[in-house]
């Protein structure tokens, strides 16, 4: 793992625990995926139709005018590397590399991906990815769907956000729209043509529902503000619109990473509760000494008496009849929901991981609502409420990635919850 990323003790703790190799399934898989997500740079995807100014916007956002305008490659990445070099992935899967910058490289004609690596520490935590939308409408939709799968943040470049663009954007999942920005590029030219204010007014209501905000940007001015002098030209940076765009984008990156770390804490807490033999620091939990070896045979008799008393106490606090009925109903509900989702997985070649995750979240929410009607003072129902809360937190982990594996783990979690409910009512 890159040392620059290993600055958070929660990430270190998670890595140490996983390194032990003795975490029970499925927590080993969940933890590994969470660690991979935490140590991967935030993916800022810049997309839009051809000629919308995507490459120039990336150069402005990164203050690195190294890509150029001549590259005709479906995907262009700007990422951290130990040295300045450009890489091209070709159709046969081979990689070709050149020292220096992409704008100075000769791009192989069969390139499907270009990557610019720079020893810029700001790129350790974030990678910029340009994905152009080309072809017919179906092809553009497929490309956009693929872009959404890899994106943490999406920036849509456009000069007018036309009806075609709105139609394409309508298919983007809501959880991605919540972390997306619409950028009107070449704002200086639109201003000179006296169309900028009209475009902003026309798009105001659309943006309110579909994006985090609308940002007119004069990208060339923004690049000049950062690169033409010894330091940042604050006045030009502000007037270009670059400052107003980058502030919320960087805030989203910071907040998103902070939320990921919070999810790691939730995971560690749940793991500690489910596997008390291993604490959250990854050490073997200390074993309590045998009281018989310390205190002698008299203590053994006292211990047996105390155990019998505890058993009687547990029997006295039997689950409320209303709670038992609700838990039985919850068992049936979870079984039905899980069966429906497993059937959908079996009968669909193209699994909709997002739909499965949403269904699991709805099932857990329904379970929580069902338990709200259970007697408040029933300890059995209260224990299940705590389990459901933990389940909801685990589902939040799976929402970090809309993958088939995450969807399968979400269904597994529902089945595990069902098994635990059965143990409480039998």
Protein backbone atom coordinates (compact mmCIF):
# COMPACT_ATOMS: atom_id res chain seq x y z
CA UNK A 1 0.00 0.00 0.00
CA UNK A 2 1.28 3.48 -0.80
CA UNK A 3 2.72 5.09 2.32
CA UNK A 4 1.01 8.36 1.51
CA UNK A 5 -2.36 6.64 1.81
CA UNK A 6 -1.52 4.88 5.09
CA UNK A 7 -2.15 7.92 7.23
CA UNK A 8 -5.37 6.83 8.87
CA UNK A 9 -5.12 4.47 11.84
CA UNK A 10 -8.48 2.88 10.95
CA UNK A 11 -7.09 1.77 7.58
CA UNK A 12 -3.96 0.42 9.27
CA UNK A 13 -6.07 -1.53 11.79
CA UNK A 14 -8.20 -3.01 9.03
CA UNK A 15 -5.12 -4.04 7.05
CA UNK A 16 -3.51 -5.61 10.12
CA UNK A 17 -6.60 -7.65 10.94
CA UNK A 18 -6.98 -8.90 7.38
CA UNK A 19 -3.30 -9.78 7.36
CA UNK A 20 -3.85 -12.30 10.13
CA UNK A 21 -5.77 -14.54 7.76
CA UNK A 22 -8.13 -15.94 10.40
CA UNK A 23 -11.25 -13.80 9.89
CA UNK A 24 -14.33 -15.99 9.34
CA UNK A 25 -16.32 -15.85 6.12
CA UNK A 26 -17.99 -13.76 4.84
CA UNK A 27 -16.26 -11.01 6.86
CA UNK A 28 -12.93 -11.82 5.21
CA UNK A 29 -14.38 -10.96 1.78
CA UNK A 30 -16.22 -7.89 3.02
CA UNK A 31 -13.14 -6.57 4.78
CA UNK A 32 -10.87 -7.17 1.79
CA UNK A 33 -13.19 -5.28 -0.54
CA UNK A 34 -13.54 -2.44 1.94
CA UNK A 35 -9.77 -2.14 2.29
CA UNK A 36 -9.35 -2.14 -1.49
CA UNK A 37 -11.90 0.66 -1.74
CA UNK A 38 -10.25 2.71 1.01
CA UNK A 39 -6.80 2.47 -0.54
CA UNK A 40 -7.92 3.24 -4.09
CA UNK A 41 -7.82 6.88 -5.23
CA UNK A 42 -11.18 8.60 -5.58
CA UNK A 43 -12.24 8.28 -9.23
CA UNK A 44 -13.30 11.65 -10.67
CA UNK A 45 -14.84 10.81 -14.06
CA UNK A 46 -15.17 13.63 -16.60
CA UNK A 47 -17.56 12.71 -19.38
CA UNK A 48 -19.75 14.22 -22.07
CA UNK A 49 -20.20 14.31 -25.83
CA UNK A 50 -17.34 14.82 -28.28
CA UNK A 51 -15.90 18.32 -28.37
CA UNK A 52 -17.28 19.34 -24.97
CA UNK A 53 -13.86 20.25 -23.51
CA UNK A 54 -13.23 17.26 -21.26
CA UNK A 55 -9.44 17.07 -21.64
CA UNK A 56 -9.00 20.79 -21.09
CA UNK A 57 -11.19 20.66 -17.98
CA UNK A 58 -9.07 17.84 -16.52
CA UNK A 59 -5.93 19.86 -17.21
CA UNK A 60 -7.49 22.82 -15.40
CA UNK A 61 -8.71 20.79 -12.43
CA UNK A 62 -5.34 19.11 -11.98
CA UNK A 63 -3.26 22.18 -12.92
CA UNK A 64 -1.38 19.83 -15.26
CA UNK A 65 -1.60 20.79 -18.97
CA UNK A 66 -0.03 17.52 -20.09
CA UNK A 67 -2.76 15.70 -22.05
CA UNK A 68 -3.21 17.86 -25.12
CA UNK A 69 -6.07 17.94 -27.60
CA UNK A 70 -5.01 15.42 -30.22
CA UNK A 71 -5.62 12.14 -28.38
CA UNK A 72 -8.44 10.07 -29.86
CA UNK A 73 -8.65 7.39 -27.16
CA UNK A 74 -11.89 6.23 -25.47
CA UNK A 75 -10.45 6.52 -21.95
CA UNK A 76 -7.75 8.90 -20.71
CA UNK A 77 -6.49 8.76 -17.12
CA UNK A 78 -4.42 11.22 -15.12
CA UNK A 79 -2.95 9.44 -12.11
CA UNK A 80 -0.08 9.27 -9.67
CA UNK A 81 3.18 7.64 -10.71
CA UNK A 82 6.76 7.72 -9.51
CA UNK A 83 7.91 9.36 -12.76
CA UNK A 84 6.45 11.27 -15.69
CA UNK A 85 5.35 8.84 -18.36
CA UNK A 86 2.53 8.11 -20.76
CA UNK A 87 1.10 4.62 -21.19
CA UNK A 88 -1.13 3.26 -23.93
CA UNK A 89 -3.18 0.08 -23.65
CA UNK A 90 -3.71 -1.49 -27.05
CA UNK A 91 -6.49 -3.71 -28.38
CA UNK A 92 -4.43 -6.88 -27.87
CA UNK A 93 -3.96 -6.03 -24.19
CA UNK A 94 -0.32 -4.99 -24.51
CA UNK A 95 1.03 -1.79 -22.96
CA UNK A 96 3.29 0.77 -24.64
CA UNK A 97 4.98 3.44 -22.52
CA UNK A 98 6.79 6.69 -23.32
CA UNK A 99 8.70 9.01 -21.00
CA UNK A 100 7.23 12.47 -20.54
CA UNK A 101 3.76 13.77 -21.35
CA UNK A 102 0.88 12.39 -23.41
CA UNK A 103 0.70 15.60 -25.44
CA UNK A 104 4.23 14.87 -26.71
CA UNK A 105 3.72 11.14 -27.31
CA UNK A 106 2.82 9.39 -30.53
CA UNK A 107 -0.42 7.56 -29.79
CA UNK A 108 -0.65 4.03 -31.30
CA UNK A 109 -3.65 3.85 -33.62
CA UNK A 110 -5.16 0.82 -31.87
CA UNK A 111 -5.05 2.37 -28.38
CA UNK A 112 -8.11 1.83 -26.20
CA UNK A 113 -6.80 3.61 -23.10
CA UNK A 114 -4.17 6.24 -22.35
CA UNK A 115 -2.73 6.97 -18.94
CA UNK A 116 -0.62 9.91 -17.85
CA UNK A 117 1.35 9.30 -14.65
CA UNK A 118 2.90 12.17 -12.71
CA UNK A 119 4.83 12.31 -9.40
CA UNK A 120 2.27 14.75 -8.01
CA UNK A 121 1.23 13.88 -4.45
CA UNK A 122 -2.25 15.42 -5.00
CA UNK A 123 -2.94 12.58 -7.43
CA UNK A 124 -2.36 9.93 -4.76
CA UNK A 125 -5.83 10.47 -3.35
CA UNK A 126 -7.66 11.22 -6.60
CA UNK A 127 -7.49 10.09 -10.21
CA UNK A 128 -9.05 12.00 -13.09
CA UNK A 129 -10.61 9.87 -15.83
CA UNK A 130 -11.90 11.18 -19.16
CA UNK A 131 -14.52 8.99 -20.82
CA UNK A 132 -15.98 10.25 -24.08
CA UNK A 133 -19.45 9.32 -25.27
CA UNK A 134 -19.47 8.33 -28.93
CA UNK A 135 -21.40 6.14 -31.38
CA UNK A 136 -25.15 5.78 -31.58
CA UNK A 137 -27.50 6.27 -28.64
CA UNK A 138 -27.22 2.65 -27.45
CA UNK A 139 -23.43 2.80 -27.55
CA UNK A 140 -23.39 6.07 -25.63
CA UNK A 141 -25.65 4.58 -22.98
CA UNK A 142 -23.39 1.55 -22.62
CA UNK A 143 -20.30 3.74 -22.26
CA UNK A 144 -22.04 5.94 -19.70
CA UNK A 145 -23.17 2.90 -17.73
CA UNK A 146 -19.59 1.65 -17.63
CA UNK A 147 -18.39 5.09 -16.54
CA UNK A 148 -20.88 5.12 -13.65
CA UNK A 149 -19.60 1.76 -12.43
CA UNK A 150 -16.09 3.12 -11.90
CA UNK A 151 -16.95 6.68 -10.84
CA UNK A 152 -17.03 8.11 -7.34
CA UNK A 153 -17.74 11.58 -8.73
CA UNK A 154 -18.97 12.49 -12.23
CA UNK A 155 -18.45 15.81 -13.97
CA UNK A 156 -20.54 16.20 -17.12
CA UNK A 157 -19.02 18.63 -19.62
CA UNK A 158 -21.31 20.45 -21.99
CA UNK A 159 -21.91 23.77 -23.66
CA UNK A 160 -25.71 23.57 -23.50
CA UNK A 161 -26.80 20.21 -21.99
CA UNK A 162 -29.04 19.38 -24.92
CA UNK A 163 -32.11 17.14 -25.03
CA UNK A 164 -29.91 14.21 -26.10
CA UNK A 165 -27.60 14.77 -23.13
CA UNK A 166 -30.54 15.03 -20.75
CA UNK A 167 -31.92 11.78 -22.13
CA UNK A 168 -28.59 10.03 -21.56
CA UNK A 169 -28.19 11.46 -18.07
CA UNK A 170 -31.67 10.26 -17.05
CA UNK A 171 -30.34 6.67 -16.98
CA UNK A 172 -27.65 7.46 -14.39
CA UNK A 173 -28.34 5.94 -10.93
CA UNK A 174 -29.46 8.39 -8.27
CA UNK A 175 -26.55 7.56 -5.97
CA UNK A 176 -24.17 8.79 -8.69
CA UNK A 177 -26.24 11.89 -9.43
CA UNK A 178 -25.87 12.82 -5.77
CA UNK A 179 -22.13 13.21 -6.41
CA UNK A 180 -22.19 14.83 -9.85
CA UNK A 181 -21.63 18.27 -11.31
CA UNK A 182 -22.71 19.88 -14.58
CA UNK A 183 -20.00 22.11 -16.06
CA UNK A 184 -20.75 24.55 -18.87
CA UNK A 185 -17.40 24.75 -20.63
CA UNK A 186 -16.11 27.63 -22.74
CA UNK A 187 -18.13 29.97 -20.56
CA UNK A 188 -16.11 32.97 -21.77
CA UNK A 189 -17.19 32.34 -25.37
CA UNK A 190 -20.82 31.87 -24.31
CA UNK A 191 -20.60 35.13 -22.38
CA UNK A 192 -19.34 36.97 -25.45
CA UNK A 193 -22.20 35.51 -27.51
CA UNK A 194 -24.63 36.60 -24.80
CA UNK A 195 -26.02 33.08 -24.34
CA UNK A 196 -24.47 32.09 -21.00
CA UNK A 197 -27.14 33.62 -18.77
CA UNK A 198 -29.90 32.15 -20.96
CA UNK A 199 -28.39 28.66 -20.72
CA UNK A 200 -28.04 28.95 -16.96
CA UNK A 201 -31.66 30.07 -16.56
CA UNK A 202 -32.90 27.28 -18.85
CA UNK A 203 -31.01 24.60 -16.94
CA UNK A 204 -31.68 25.85 -13.42
CA UNK A 205 -34.67 23.59 -12.68
CA UNK A 206 -33.05 20.57 -14.34
CA UNK A 207 -29.85 20.94 -12.33
CA UNK A 208 -31.78 21.22 -9.07
CA UNK A 209 -33.02 17.64 -9.51
CA UNK A 210 -30.16 16.02 -11.43
CA UNK A 211 -26.83 17.47 -10.19
CA UNK A 212 -25.18 18.95 -7.15
CA UNK A 213 -24.73 22.18 -9.05
CA UNK A 214 -24.13 24.01 -12.32
CA UNK A 215 -20.71 25.60 -12.89
CA UNK A 216 -19.81 27.79 -15.88
CA UNK A 217 -16.05 27.54 -16.44
CA UNK A 218 -13.62 29.24 -18.79
CA UNK A 219 -11.10 26.39 -18.78
CA UNK A 220 -8.32 28.10 -20.73
CA UNK A 221 -8.37 31.02 -18.29
CA UNK A 222 -8.39 28.56 -15.39
CA UNK A 223 -5.27 26.83 -16.71
CA UNK A 224 -3.55 30.16 -17.28
CA UNK A 225 -4.37 31.25 -13.71
CA UNK A 226 -2.44 28.27 -12.36
CA UNK A 227 0.44 27.96 -14.80
CA UNK A 228 1.30 31.32 -16.38
CA UNK A 229 3.07 32.83 -13.35
CA UNK A 230 5.11 31.78 -10.35
CA UNK A 231 2.01 31.29 -8.24
CA UNK A 232 -1.76 31.08 -8.48
CA UNK A 233 -3.41 34.14 -9.97
CA UNK A 234 -6.31 34.32 -7.53
CA UNK A 235 -8.30 36.93 -9.45
CA UNK A 236 -8.09 35.03 -12.74
CA UNK A 237 -8.74 31.70 -10.99
CA UNK A 238 -11.93 33.09 -9.48
CA UNK A 239 -13.17 34.83 -12.61
CA UNK A 240 -12.57 31.70 -14.71
CA UNK A 241 -15.02 29.75 -12.53
CA UNK A 242 -12.32 27.24 -11.65
CA UNK A 243 -12.31 28.13 -7.96
CA UNK A 244 -16.10 27.81 -7.66
CA UNK A 245 -15.98 24.34 -9.24
CA UNK A 246 -12.95 22.92 -7.44
CA UNK A 247 -14.08 23.87 -3.95
CA UNK A 248 -17.18 21.61 -3.93
CA UNK A 249 -15.38 18.86 -5.87
CA UNK A 250 -12.54 18.72 -3.33
CA UNK A 251 -15.09 18.89 -0.53
CA UNK A 252 -16.89 15.87 -2.02
CA UNK A 253 -13.61 13.97 -2.23
CA UNK A 254 -12.81 14.74 1.40
CA UNK A 255 -16.30 13.95 2.66
CA UNK A 256 -16.48 10.76 0.64
CA UNK A 257 -13.20 9.47 1.99
CA UNK A 258 -14.26 10.40 5.51
CA UNK A 259 -17.51 8.45 5.05
CA UNK A 260 -15.50 5.45 3.83
CA UNK A 261 -13.38 5.55 6.99
CA UNK A 262 -16.55 5.70 9.08
CA UNK A 263 -17.77 2.57 7.28
CA UNK A 264 -14.49 0.87 8.17
CA UNK A 265 -15.08 1.68 11.84
CA UNK A 266 -18.57 0.17 11.58
CA UNK A 267 -17.10 -2.95 10.01
CA UNK A 268 -14.44 -3.29 12.73
CA UNK A 269 -17.06 -2.84 15.46
CA UNK A 270 -19.32 -5.50 13.97
CA UNK A 271 -16.39 -7.85 13.45
CA UNK A 272 -15.36 -7.41 17.08
CA UNK A 273 -18.91 -8.17 18.23
CA UNK A 274 -19.16 -11.30 16.06
CA UNK A 275 -15.64 -12.62 16.71
CA UNK A 276 -14.79 -11.78 20.33
CA UNK A 277 -11.75 -14.05 20.20
CA UNK A 278 -10.04 -11.46 18.00
CA UNK A 279 -10.17 -7.80 18.98
CA UNK A 280 -10.35 -4.94 16.50
CA UNK A 281 -6.63 -4.32 16.78
CA UNK A 282 -5.98 -7.72 15.23
CA UNK A 283 -4.49 -9.25 18.38
CA UNK A 284 -5.70 -12.42 20.01
CA UNK A 285 -8.01 -11.46 22.85
CA UNK A 286 -6.68 -12.36 26.31
CA UNK A 287 -8.21 -15.51 27.80
CA UNK A 288 -9.67 -15.26 31.26
CA UNK A 289 -7.93 -17.61 33.73
CA UNK A 290 -9.83 -20.62 35.02
CA UNK A 291 -11.31 -19.52 38.37
CA UNK A 292 -11.02 -23.09 39.68
CA UNK A 293 -7.25 -23.05 39.28
CA UNK A 294 -7.02 -19.85 41.37
CA UNK A 295 -9.64 -20.25 44.05
CA UNK A 296 -9.90 -23.99 44.51
CA UNK A 297 -12.85 -26.42 44.67
CA UNK A 298 -15.12 -24.13 46.68
CA UNK A 299 -15.20 -21.72 43.79
CA UNK A 300 -16.25 -24.56 41.48
CA UNK A 301 -19.36 -25.19 43.55
CA UNK A 302 -20.18 -21.46 43.63
CA UNK A 303 -19.68 -21.23 39.88
CA UNK A 304 -22.07 -24.13 39.24
CA UNK A 305 -24.71 -22.56 41.49
CA UNK A 306 -24.32 -19.20 39.69
CA UNK A 307 -24.63 -20.91 36.30
CA UNK A 308 -27.87 -22.63 37.33
CA UNK A 309 -29.20 -19.30 38.63
CA UNK A 310 -28.34 -17.62 35.31
CA UNK A 311 -30.17 -20.34 33.42
CA UNK A 312 -33.26 -19.83 35.54
CA UNK A 313 -33.05 -16.07 34.98
CA UNK A 314 -32.88 -16.54 31.22
CA UNK A 315 -35.88 -18.85 31.33
CA UNK A 316 -37.82 -16.31 33.36
CA UNK A 317 -37.31 -13.64 30.68
CA UNK A 318 -39.10 -15.49 27.90
CA UNK A 319 -39.82 -13.64 24.66
CA UNK A 320 -43.14 -11.84 24.58
CA UNK A 321 -45.77 -13.73 22.57
CA UNK A 322 -46.30 -10.69 20.35
CA UNK A 323 -42.54 -10.54 19.70
CA UNK A 324 -42.40 -14.22 18.80
CA UNK A 325 -45.18 -13.74 16.26
CA UNK A 326 -43.44 -10.71 14.75
CA UNK A 327 -40.09 -12.50 14.57
CA UNK A 328 -41.73 -15.46 12.85
CA UNK A 329 -43.29 -13.07 10.36
CA UNK A 330 -39.87 -11.45 9.86
CA UNK A 331 -38.28 -14.85 9.18
CA UNK A 332 -40.84 -15.56 6.46
CA UNK A 333 -40.44 -12.11 4.96
CA UNK A 334 -36.64 -12.36 4.76
CA UNK A 335 -36.84 -15.84 3.26
CA UNK A 336 -39.28 -14.66 0.58
CA UNK A 337 -37.21 -11.57 -0.27
CA UNK A 338 -33.97 -13.57 -0.45
CA UNK A 339 -35.57 -16.27 -2.62
CA UNK A 340 -36.92 -13.64 -5.02
CA UNK A 341 -33.51 -12.02 -5.37
CA UNK A 342 -31.69 -15.33 -5.80
CA UNK A 343 -34.20 -16.33 -8.48
CA UNK A 344 -33.55 -13.03 -10.24
CA UNK A 345 -29.82 -13.71 -10.16
CA UNK A 346 -30.33 -17.18 -11.62
CA UNK A 347 -32.60 -16.09 -14.47
CA UNK A 348 -30.87 -12.90 -15.63
CA UNK A 349 -27.62 -12.97 -17.54
CA UNK A 350 -27.02 -9.28 -16.81
CA UNK A 351 -27.37 -8.93 -13.07
CA UNK A 352 -28.55 -5.51 -11.89
CA UNK A 353 -26.40 -5.23 -8.79
CA UNK A 354 -27.87 -1.86 -7.89
CA UNK A 355 -31.42 -3.22 -7.95
CA UNK A 356 -30.42 -6.17 -5.74
CA UNK A 357 -28.69 -3.90 -3.24
CA UNK A 358 -31.69 -1.58 -3.17
CA UNK A 359 -34.01 -4.56 -2.62
CA UNK A 360 -31.87 -5.76 0.28
CA UNK A 361 -31.93 -2.29 1.80
CA UNK A 362 -35.72 -2.17 1.44
CA UNK A 363 -36.03 -5.61 3.06
CA UNK A 364 -33.92 -4.50 6.02
CA UNK A 365 -35.97 -1.33 6.30
CA UNK A 366 -39.19 -3.39 6.27
CA UNK A 367 -37.75 -5.58 9.01
CA UNK A 368 -36.95 -2.52 11.10
CA UNK A 369 -40.49 -1.22 10.60
CA UNK A 370 -41.94 -4.56 11.64
CA UNK A 371 -39.92 -4.56 14.85
CA UNK A 372 -41.11 -1.07 15.71
CA UNK A 373 -44.47 -2.66 16.57
CA UNK A 374 -42.90 -5.12 19.05
CA UNK A 375 -43.18 -4.47 22.80
CA UNK A 376 -40.60 -1.89 23.82
CA UNK A 377 -39.65 -3.65 27.06
CA UNK A 378 -39.10 -7.09 25.49
CA UNK A 379 -35.32 -7.84 25.62
CA UNK A 380 -35.54 -10.31 22.72
CA UNK A 381 -37.09 -7.74 20.41
CA UNK A 382 -34.59 -5.13 21.58
CA UNK A 383 -31.70 -7.45 20.75
CA UNK A 384 -33.08 -8.02 17.27
CA UNK A 385 -33.47 -4.26 16.78
CA UNK A 386 -29.76 -3.88 17.52
CA UNK A 387 -28.95 -6.67 15.05
CA UNK A 388 -31.05 -4.96 12.37
CA UNK A 389 -29.25 -1.68 12.95
CA UNK A 390 -25.93 -3.48 12.47
CA UNK A 391 -27.33 -5.09 9.31
CA UNK A 392 -28.31 -1.69 7.93
CA UNK A 393 -24.80 -0.45 8.60
CA UNK A 394 -23.30 -3.44 6.80
CA UNK A 395 -25.52 -2.79 3.80
CA UNK A 396 -24.09 0.70 3.69
CA UNK A 397 -20.70 -0.92 3.18
CA UNK A 398 -21.99 -2.86 0.19
CA UNK A 399 -23.42 0.33 -1.29
CA UNK A 400 -19.84 1.55 -1.70
CA UNK A 401 -19.59 -0.57 -4.82
CA UNK A 402 -22.39 -1.62 -7.15
CA UNK A 403 -20.86 -4.99 -8.06
CA UNK A 404 -22.28 -8.48 -8.41
CA UNK A 405 -20.13 -9.65 -5.50
CA UNK A 406 -21.52 -6.91 -3.27
CA UNK A 407 -25.06 -7.87 -4.30
CA UNK A 408 -24.43 -11.53 -3.43
CA UNK A 409 -22.99 -10.52 -0.06
CA UNK A 410 -26.06 -8.38 0.64
CA UNK A 411 -28.34 -11.36 0.02
CA UNK A 412 -26.05 -13.47 2.20
CA UNK A 413 -26.47 -10.91 4.96
CA UNK A 414 -30.27 -11.21 4.74
CA UNK A 415 -30.05 -15.01 4.97
CA UNK A 416 -27.69 -14.71 7.92
CA UNK A 417 -30.12 -12.35 9.61
CA UNK A 418 -32.92 -14.87 8.99
CA UNK A 419 -30.88 -17.66 10.58
CA UNK A 420 -30.24 -15.53 13.67
CA UNK A 421 -33.97 -14.75 13.94
CA UNK A 422 -34.83 -18.45 13.77
CA UNK A 423 -32.45 -19.13 16.66
CA UNK A 424 -34.31 -16.56 18.73
CA UNK A 425 -37.82 -17.93 18.19
CA UNK A 426 -37.26 -21.70 18.42
